[in-house]
Amino acid sequence: MKNRQPTDAELEILQVLWRHGPATVRQVNDILNEQRKVGYTTTLKMMQLMTEKQILERNEDRRSHLYSPKIHETDAQNLMLNKLMKSAFGGSALKLVVSALGNGKTSKKELKEIREFLDRMETQQGGRHGAGE
């Protein structure tokens, strides 16, 4: 999947497969139906299209074909994040982070983990500061 962001419907299917591992259309459809009503044939068609687009791969060794993602979750997240950062925040990571953290929905535990992550980043970068810093 070169520079192609998954649609919302494709992302739902990818989320199921990332969470649960390789699955049949029936298994994916059952999980999707826990959130909202989705017809089996709709899920089947989506997964067939995703296979054609090389977003999913299909293992045909068994009677019921198993589907698995061909893109890693972090790659999809980075693609979507970069697009969002460019389109909504003028390319500014700072604006994106401030907006995300300033929405009042960040838990104390998440803030603690973010602080620890930033501390590790700062330690790793140590003496490697650029001229503009």
N, C-alpha and C. Protein backbone atom coordinates (compact mmCIF):
# COMPACT_ATOMS: atom_id res chain seq x y z
N MET A 1 0.84 -1.17 0.00
CA MET A 1 0.00 0.00 0.00
C MET A 1 0.89 1.23 0.00
N LYS A 2 1.18 1.73 -1.16
CA LYS A 2 2.09 2.86 -1.28
C LYS A 2 1.31 4.17 -1.21
N ASN A 3 1.57 4.96 -0.14
CA ASN A 3 0.97 6.28 0.01
C ASN A 3 -0.54 6.30 -0.20
N ARG A 4 -1.21 5.23 0.14
CA ARG A 4 -2.66 5.19 0.01
C ARG A 4 -3.27 4.98 1.38
N GLN A 5 -4.04 5.97 1.79
CA GLN A 5 -4.67 5.92 3.10
C GLN A 5 -5.94 5.08 3.03
N PRO A 6 -6.13 4.16 3.98
CA PRO A 6 -7.35 3.35 3.98
C PRO A 6 -8.59 4.22 4.22
N THR A 7 -9.70 3.83 3.60
CA THR A 7 -10.97 4.50 3.86
C THR A 7 -11.43 4.13 5.28
N ASP A 8 -12.46 4.80 5.77
CA ASP A 8 -12.97 4.49 7.11
C ASP A 8 -13.44 3.04 7.19
N ALA A 9 -14.14 2.56 6.16
CA ALA A 9 -14.63 1.18 6.17
C ALA A 9 -13.47 0.18 6.12
N GLU A 10 -12.46 0.49 5.32
CA GLU A 10 -11.27 -0.38 5.26
C GLU A 10 -10.55 -0.39 6.59
N LEU A 11 -10.48 0.76 7.22
CA LEU A 11 -9.81 0.87 8.51
C LEU A 11 -10.51 0.04 9.58
N GLU A 12 -11.83 0.00 9.55
CA GLU A 12 -12.58 -0.83 10.49
C GLU A 12 -12.18 -2.30 10.36
N ILE A 13 -12.08 -2.77 9.13
CA ILE A 13 -11.69 -4.16 8.88
C ILE A 13 -10.25 -4.39 9.31
N LEU A 14 -9.37 -3.45 8.99
CA LEU A 14 -7.97 -3.58 9.41
C LEU A 14 -7.86 -3.63 10.93
N GLN A 15 -8.64 -2.81 11.62
CA GLN A 15 -8.61 -2.80 13.10
C GLN A 15 -8.94 -4.19 13.65
N VAL A 16 -9.95 -4.82 13.06
CA VAL A 16 -10.34 -6.17 13.50
C VAL A 16 -9.18 -7.13 13.30
N LEU A 17 -8.56 -7.08 12.13
CA LEU A 17 -7.47 -8.02 11.82
C LEU A 17 -6.22 -7.73 12.64
N TRP A 18 -5.92 -6.46 12.89
CA TRP A 18 -4.77 -6.14 13.73
C TRP A 18 -4.99 -6.64 15.15
N ARG A 19 -6.21 -6.53 15.64
CA ARG A 19 -6.52 -6.94 17.01
C ARG A 19 -6.61 -8.45 17.17
N HIS A 20 -7.23 -9.12 16.19
CA HIS A 20 -7.55 -10.54 16.34
C HIS A 20 -6.70 -11.48 15.49
N GLY A 21 -5.90 -10.95 14.59
CA GLY A 21 -5.09 -11.79 13.73
C GLY A 21 -5.88 -12.26 12.51
N PRO A 22 -5.27 -13.13 11.70
CA PRO A 22 -5.93 -13.61 10.48
C PRO A 22 -7.33 -14.16 10.79
N ALA A 23 -8.27 -13.84 9.88
CA ALA A 23 -9.66 -14.24 10.13
C ALA A 23 -10.40 -14.44 8.82
N THR A 24 -11.49 -15.17 8.90
CA THR A 24 -12.38 -15.36 7.75
C THR A 24 -13.30 -14.14 7.63
N VAL A 25 -13.97 -14.03 6.51
CA VAL A 25 -14.94 -12.95 6.32
C VAL A 25 -16.02 -13.05 7.40
N ARG A 26 -16.50 -14.25 7.68
CA ARG A 26 -17.54 -14.45 8.70
C ARG A 26 -17.07 -13.93 10.05
N GLN A 27 -15.84 -14.27 10.45
CA GLN A 27 -15.32 -13.82 11.74
C GLN A 27 -15.23 -12.30 11.80
N VAL A 28 -14.72 -11.69 10.73
CA VAL A 28 -14.62 -10.23 10.68
C VAL A 28 -16.00 -9.61 10.76
N ASN A 29 -16.93 -10.15 9.98
CA ASN A 29 -18.30 -9.62 9.96
C ASN A 29 -18.96 -9.72 11.33
N ASP A 30 -18.76 -10.85 12.02
CA ASP A 30 -19.34 -11.01 13.36
C ASP A 30 -18.81 -9.96 14.32
N ILE A 31 -17.52 -9.68 14.25
CA ILE A 31 -16.91 -8.67 15.13
C ILE A 31 -17.41 -7.28 14.78
N LEU A 32 -17.50 -6.97 13.48
CA LEU A 32 -18.03 -5.67 13.06
C LEU A 32 -19.46 -5.48 13.55
N ASN A 33 -20.25 -6.55 13.55
CA ASN A 33 -21.65 -6.48 13.96
C ASN A 33 -21.82 -6.27 15.46
N GLU A 34 -20.76 -6.41 16.23
CA GLU A 34 -20.84 -6.09 17.66
C GLU A 34 -20.98 -4.58 17.85
N GLN A 35 -20.49 -3.79 16.89
CA GLN A 35 -20.55 -2.33 16.96
C GLN A 35 -21.74 -1.75 16.21
N ARG A 36 -21.99 -2.28 15.00
CA ARG A 36 -23.09 -1.79 14.17
C ARG A 36 -23.45 -2.87 13.16
N LYS A 37 -24.65 -2.77 12.62
CA LYS A 37 -25.15 -3.78 11.68
C LYS A 37 -24.42 -3.64 10.33
N VAL A 38 -23.75 -4.72 9.92
CA VAL A 38 -23.06 -4.78 8.64
C VAL A 38 -23.41 -6.10 7.99
N GLY A 39 -23.86 -6.05 6.74
CA GLY A 39 -24.22 -7.27 6.03
C GLY A 39 -22.99 -8.08 5.66
N TYR A 40 -23.16 -9.40 5.66
CA TYR A 40 -22.05 -10.30 5.31
C TYR A 40 -21.53 -9.99 3.91
N THR A 41 -22.42 -9.80 2.95
CA THR A 41 -21.97 -9.56 1.57
C THR A 41 -21.22 -8.24 1.45
N THR A 42 -21.58 -7.26 2.27
CA THR A 42 -20.85 -5.98 2.28
C THR A 42 -19.42 -6.20 2.76
N THR A 43 -19.28 -6.95 3.85
CA THR A 43 -17.94 -7.24 4.39
C THR A 43 -17.14 -8.05 3.38
N LEU A 44 -17.77 -9.05 2.77
CA LEU A 44 -17.10 -9.88 1.76
C LEU A 44 -16.58 -9.01 0.62
N LYS A 45 -17.43 -8.15 0.08
CA LYS A 45 -17.04 -7.31 -1.06
C LYS A 45 -15.90 -6.37 -0.67
N MET A 46 -16.00 -5.77 0.52
CA MET A 46 -14.94 -4.87 1.00
C MET A 46 -13.60 -5.61 1.09
N MET A 47 -13.63 -6.81 1.65
CA MET A 47 -12.40 -7.55 1.83
C MET A 47 -11.84 -8.03 0.49
N GLN A 48 -12.70 -8.34 -0.46
CA GLN A 48 -12.24 -8.70 -1.80
C GLN A 48 -11.56 -7.50 -2.46
N LEU A 49 -12.18 -6.33 -2.35
CA LEU A 49 -11.58 -5.11 -2.91
C LEU A 49 -10.25 -4.77 -2.24
N MET A 50 -10.20 -4.94 -0.92
CA MET A 50 -8.96 -4.67 -0.19
C MET A 50 -7.86 -5.63 -0.61
N THR A 51 -8.22 -6.85 -0.97
CA THR A 51 -7.24 -7.82 -1.46
C THR A 51 -6.74 -7.37 -2.84
N GLU A 52 -7.65 -6.92 -3.70
CA GLU A 52 -7.25 -6.42 -5.02
C GLU A 52 -6.33 -5.22 -4.91
N LYS A 53 -6.60 -4.36 -3.92
CA LYS A 53 -5.78 -3.16 -3.70
C LYS A 53 -4.48 -3.48 -2.95
N GLN A 54 -4.30 -4.73 -2.58
CA GLN A 54 -3.14 -5.21 -1.84
C GLN A 54 -3.03 -4.60 -0.45
N ILE A 55 -4.19 -4.37 0.15
CA ILE A 55 -4.24 -3.94 1.55
C ILE A 55 -4.32 -5.18 2.43
N LEU A 56 -5.00 -6.21 1.92
CA LEU A 56 -5.11 -7.50 2.61
C LEU A 56 -4.50 -8.58 1.73
N GLU A 57 -4.11 -9.67 2.39
CA GLU A 57 -3.73 -10.86 1.63
C GLU A 57 -4.65 -11.99 2.06
N ARG A 58 -4.91 -12.89 1.11
CA ARG A 58 -5.86 -13.98 1.34
C ARG A 58 -5.11 -15.30 1.24
N ASN A 59 -5.25 -16.12 2.29
CA ASN A 59 -4.69 -17.46 2.30
C ASN A 59 -5.80 -18.42 1.90
N GLU A 60 -5.64 -19.08 0.77
CA GLU A 60 -6.68 -19.95 0.22
C GLU A 60 -6.43 -21.42 0.50
N ASP A 61 -5.56 -21.73 1.46
CA ASP A 61 -5.23 -23.12 1.77
C ASP A 61 -6.39 -23.89 2.38
N ARG A 62 -7.26 -23.20 3.09
CA ARG A 62 -8.41 -23.84 3.73
C ARG A 62 -9.67 -23.56 2.94
N ARG A 63 -10.72 -24.29 3.27
CA ARG A 63 -12.01 -24.06 2.61
C ARG A 63 -12.48 -22.63 2.85
N SER A 64 -12.40 -22.17 4.09
CA SER A 64 -12.71 -20.78 4.41
C SER A 64 -11.41 -19.99 4.33
N HIS A 65 -11.36 -19.04 3.42
CA HIS A 65 -10.14 -18.25 3.22
C HIS A 65 -9.85 -17.38 4.44
N LEU A 66 -8.57 -17.30 4.77
CA LEU A 66 -8.14 -16.45 5.88
C LEU A 66 -7.53 -15.17 5.31
N TYR A 67 -7.94 -14.05 5.86
CA TYR A 67 -7.43 -12.75 5.42
C TYR A 67 -6.53 -12.18 6.52
N SER A 68 -5.48 -11.49 6.09
CA SER A 68 -4.61 -10.79 7.03
C SER A 68 -4.14 -9.49 6.39
N PRO A 69 -3.80 -8.50 7.22
CA PRO A 69 -3.38 -7.20 6.69
C PRO A 69 -2.00 -7.26 6.06
N LYS A 70 -1.81 -6.51 4.99
CA LYS A 70 -0.50 -6.39 4.36
C LYS A 70 0.20 -5.11 4.79
N ILE A 71 -0.47 -4.33 5.61
CA ILE A 71 0.12 -3.09 6.12
C ILE A 71 0.11 -3.16 7.64
N HIS A 72 1.20 -2.69 8.23
CA HIS A 72 1.30 -2.67 9.69
C HIS A 72 0.47 -1.52 10.24
N GLU A 73 -0.04 -1.72 11.41
CA GLU A 73 -0.89 -0.71 12.05
C GLU A 73 -0.17 0.63 12.18
N THR A 74 1.09 0.62 12.59
CA THR A 74 1.83 1.87 12.76
C THR A 74 2.04 2.59 11.42
N ASP A 75 2.21 1.83 10.33
CA ASP A 75 2.36 2.46 9.01
C ASP A 75 1.08 3.19 8.62
N ALA A 76 -0.07 2.56 8.84
CA ALA A 76 -1.35 3.20 8.53
C ALA A 76 -1.56 4.43 9.41
N GLN A 77 -1.22 4.30 10.69
CA GLN A 77 -1.38 5.44 11.60
C GLN A 77 -0.50 6.60 11.17
N ASN A 78 0.75 6.30 10.80
CA ASN A 78 1.66 7.37 10.38
C ASN A 78 1.17 8.06 9.10
N LEU A 79 0.66 7.27 8.17
CA LEU A 79 0.10 7.84 6.94
C LEU A 79 -1.03 8.82 7.25
N MET A 80 -1.96 8.38 8.10
CA MET A 80 -3.11 9.22 8.43
C MET A 80 -2.70 10.43 9.26
N LEU A 81 -1.76 10.22 10.17
CA LEU A 81 -1.29 11.32 11.02
C LEU A 81 -0.60 12.39 10.18
N ASN A 82 0.25 11.98 9.25
CA ASN A 82 0.94 12.94 8.39
C ASN A 82 -0.05 13.74 7.56
N LYS A 83 -1.07 13.07 7.03
CA LYS A 83 -2.08 13.77 6.23
C LYS A 83 -2.84 14.77 7.10
N LEU A 84 -3.24 14.35 8.30
CA LEU A 84 -3.95 15.23 9.22
C LEU A 84 -3.08 16.42 9.62
N MET A 85 -1.82 16.16 9.94
CA MET A 85 -0.93 17.23 10.37
C MET A 85 -0.77 18.27 9.25
N LYS A 86 -0.62 17.80 8.01
CA LYS A 86 -0.46 18.73 6.89
C LYS A 86 -1.74 19.50 6.61
N SER A 87 -2.87 18.79 6.57
CA SER A 87 -4.12 19.43 6.14
C SER A 87 -4.76 20.28 7.23
N ALA A 88 -4.75 19.83 8.47
CA ALA A 88 -5.47 20.53 9.53
C ALA A 88 -4.59 21.41 10.41
N PHE A 89 -3.29 21.13 10.45
CA PHE A 89 -2.41 21.86 11.37
C PHE A 89 -1.23 22.52 10.67
N GLY A 90 -1.36 22.72 9.36
CA GLY A 90 -0.32 23.43 8.60
C GLY A 90 1.05 22.79 8.69
N GLY A 91 1.10 21.50 8.92
CA GLY A 91 2.38 20.79 9.00
C GLY A 91 3.06 20.90 10.36
N SER A 92 2.41 21.51 11.32
CA SER A 92 3.01 21.73 12.64
C SER A 92 2.68 20.59 13.61
N ALA A 93 3.71 19.86 14.00
CA ALA A 93 3.53 18.80 15.00
C ALA A 93 3.13 19.41 16.34
N LEU A 94 3.68 20.57 16.66
CA LEU A 94 3.36 21.24 17.92
C LEU A 94 1.86 21.56 18.00
N LYS A 95 1.30 22.13 16.93
CA LYS A 95 -0.13 22.47 16.93
C LYS A 95 -0.98 21.22 17.08
N LEU A 96 -0.58 20.15 16.42
CA LEU A 96 -1.34 18.90 16.50
C LEU A 96 -1.32 18.36 17.93
N VAL A 97 -0.15 18.32 18.54
CA VAL A 97 -0.01 17.77 19.89
C VAL A 97 -0.76 18.65 20.91
N VAL A 98 -0.62 19.96 20.79
CA VAL A 98 -1.30 20.87 21.72
C VAL A 98 -2.81 20.70 21.60
N SER A 99 -3.29 20.58 20.37
CA SER A 99 -4.72 20.38 20.16
C SER A 99 -5.18 19.05 20.74
N ALA A 100 -4.42 17.99 20.52
CA ALA A 100 -4.79 16.67 21.02
C ALA A 100 -4.78 16.62 22.54
N LEU A 101 -3.78 17.23 23.16
CA LEU A 101 -3.67 17.19 24.61
C LEU A 101 -4.58 18.21 25.29
N GLY A 102 -4.93 19.27 24.59
CA GLY A 102 -5.74 20.33 25.18
C GLY A 102 -7.23 20.07 25.12
N ASN A 103 -7.63 18.92 24.62
CA ASN A 103 -9.07 18.66 24.49
C ASN A 103 -9.71 18.19 25.79
N GLY A 104 -8.91 18.03 26.85
CA GLY A 104 -9.44 17.65 28.14
C GLY A 104 -9.76 16.17 28.30
N LYS A 105 -9.43 15.37 27.30
CA LYS A 105 -9.75 13.94 27.36
C LYS A 105 -8.53 13.08 27.65
N THR A 106 -7.39 13.71 27.93
CA THR A 106 -6.17 12.96 28.20
C THR A 106 -6.12 12.62 29.69
N SER A 107 -5.99 11.33 30.00
CA SER A 107 -5.97 10.90 31.40
C SER A 107 -4.62 11.22 32.05
N LYS A 108 -4.61 11.22 33.37
CA LYS A 108 -3.36 11.45 34.10
C LYS A 108 -2.33 10.38 33.76
N LYS A 109 -2.80 9.15 33.61
CA LYS A 109 -1.89 8.05 33.25
C LYS A 109 -1.27 8.29 31.88
N GLU A 110 -2.08 8.74 30.92
CA GLU A 110 -1.55 9.03 29.58
C GLU A 110 -0.56 10.19 29.63
N LEU A 111 -0.88 11.22 30.39
CA LEU A 111 0.04 12.35 30.51
C LEU A 111 1.37 11.92 31.12
N LYS A 112 1.32 11.04 32.10
CA LYS A 112 2.55 10.52 32.72
C LYS A 112 3.38 9.75 31.68
N GLU A 113 2.71 8.92 30.90
CA GLU A 113 3.41 8.15 29.86
C GLU A 113 3.99 9.07 28.79
N ILE A 114 3.29 10.14 28.46
CA ILE A 114 3.79 11.11 27.47
C ILE A 114 5.03 11.81 28.02
N ARG A 115 4.99 12.20 29.30
CA ARG A 115 6.16 12.84 29.92
C ARG A 115 7.37 11.91 29.89
N GLU A 116 7.14 10.64 30.22
CA GLU A 116 8.23 9.66 30.21
C GLU A 116 8.79 9.48 28.79
N PHE A 117 7.90 9.46 27.81
CA PHE A 117 8.31 9.33 26.41
C PHE A 117 9.17 10.54 26.00
N LEU A 118 8.71 11.75 26.36
CA LEU A 118 9.46 12.96 26.01
C LEU A 118 10.82 12.98 26.71
N ASP A 119 10.86 12.54 27.96
CA ASP A 119 12.14 12.46 28.68
C ASP A 119 13.10 11.51 27.97
N ARG A 120 12.59 10.35 27.52
CA ARG A 120 13.44 9.39 26.80
C ARG A 120 13.93 10.00 25.48
N MET A 121 13.05 10.70 24.79
CA MET A 121 13.45 11.34 23.52
C MET A 121 14.55 12.36 23.76
N GLU A 122 14.38 13.15 24.81
CA GLU A 122 15.37 14.17 25.14
C GLU A 122 16.72 13.53 25.49
N THR A 123 16.68 12.45 26.25
CA THR A 123 17.90 11.74 26.62
C THR A 123 18.58 11.15 25.39
N GLN A 124 17.80 10.56 24.50
CA GLN A 124 18.36 9.95 23.28
C GLN A 124 18.99 11.00 22.38
N GLN A 125 18.37 12.18 22.31
CA GLN A 125 18.90 13.22 21.43
C GLN A 125 20.09 13.92 22.07
N GLY A 126 20.20 13.85 23.37
CA GLY A 126 21.34 14.36 24.12
C GLY A 126 22.05 15.53 23.47
N GLY A 127 23.23 15.27 22.93
CA GLY A 127 24.07 16.33 22.35
C GLY A 127 23.86 16.51 20.86
N ARG A 128 22.77 15.97 20.32
CA ARG A 128 22.56 16.06 18.87
C ARG A 128 21.58 17.17 18.49
N HIS A 129 21.68 18.31 19.09
CA HIS A 129 20.76 19.42 18.79
C HIS A 129 21.17 20.08 17.49
N GLY A 130 20.18 20.48 16.71
CA GLY A 130 20.43 21.16 15.45
C GLY A 130 20.73 22.62 15.66
N ALA A 131 21.12 23.32 14.60
CA ALA A 131 21.52 24.74 14.69
C ALA A 131 20.37 25.62 15.12
N GLY A 132 19.13 25.23 14.81
CA GLY A 132 17.98 26.08 15.13
C GLY A 132 17.47 25.94 16.54
N GLU A 133 18.12 25.17 17.38
CA GLU A 133 17.61 24.96 18.74
C GLU A 133 18.36 25.80 19.74
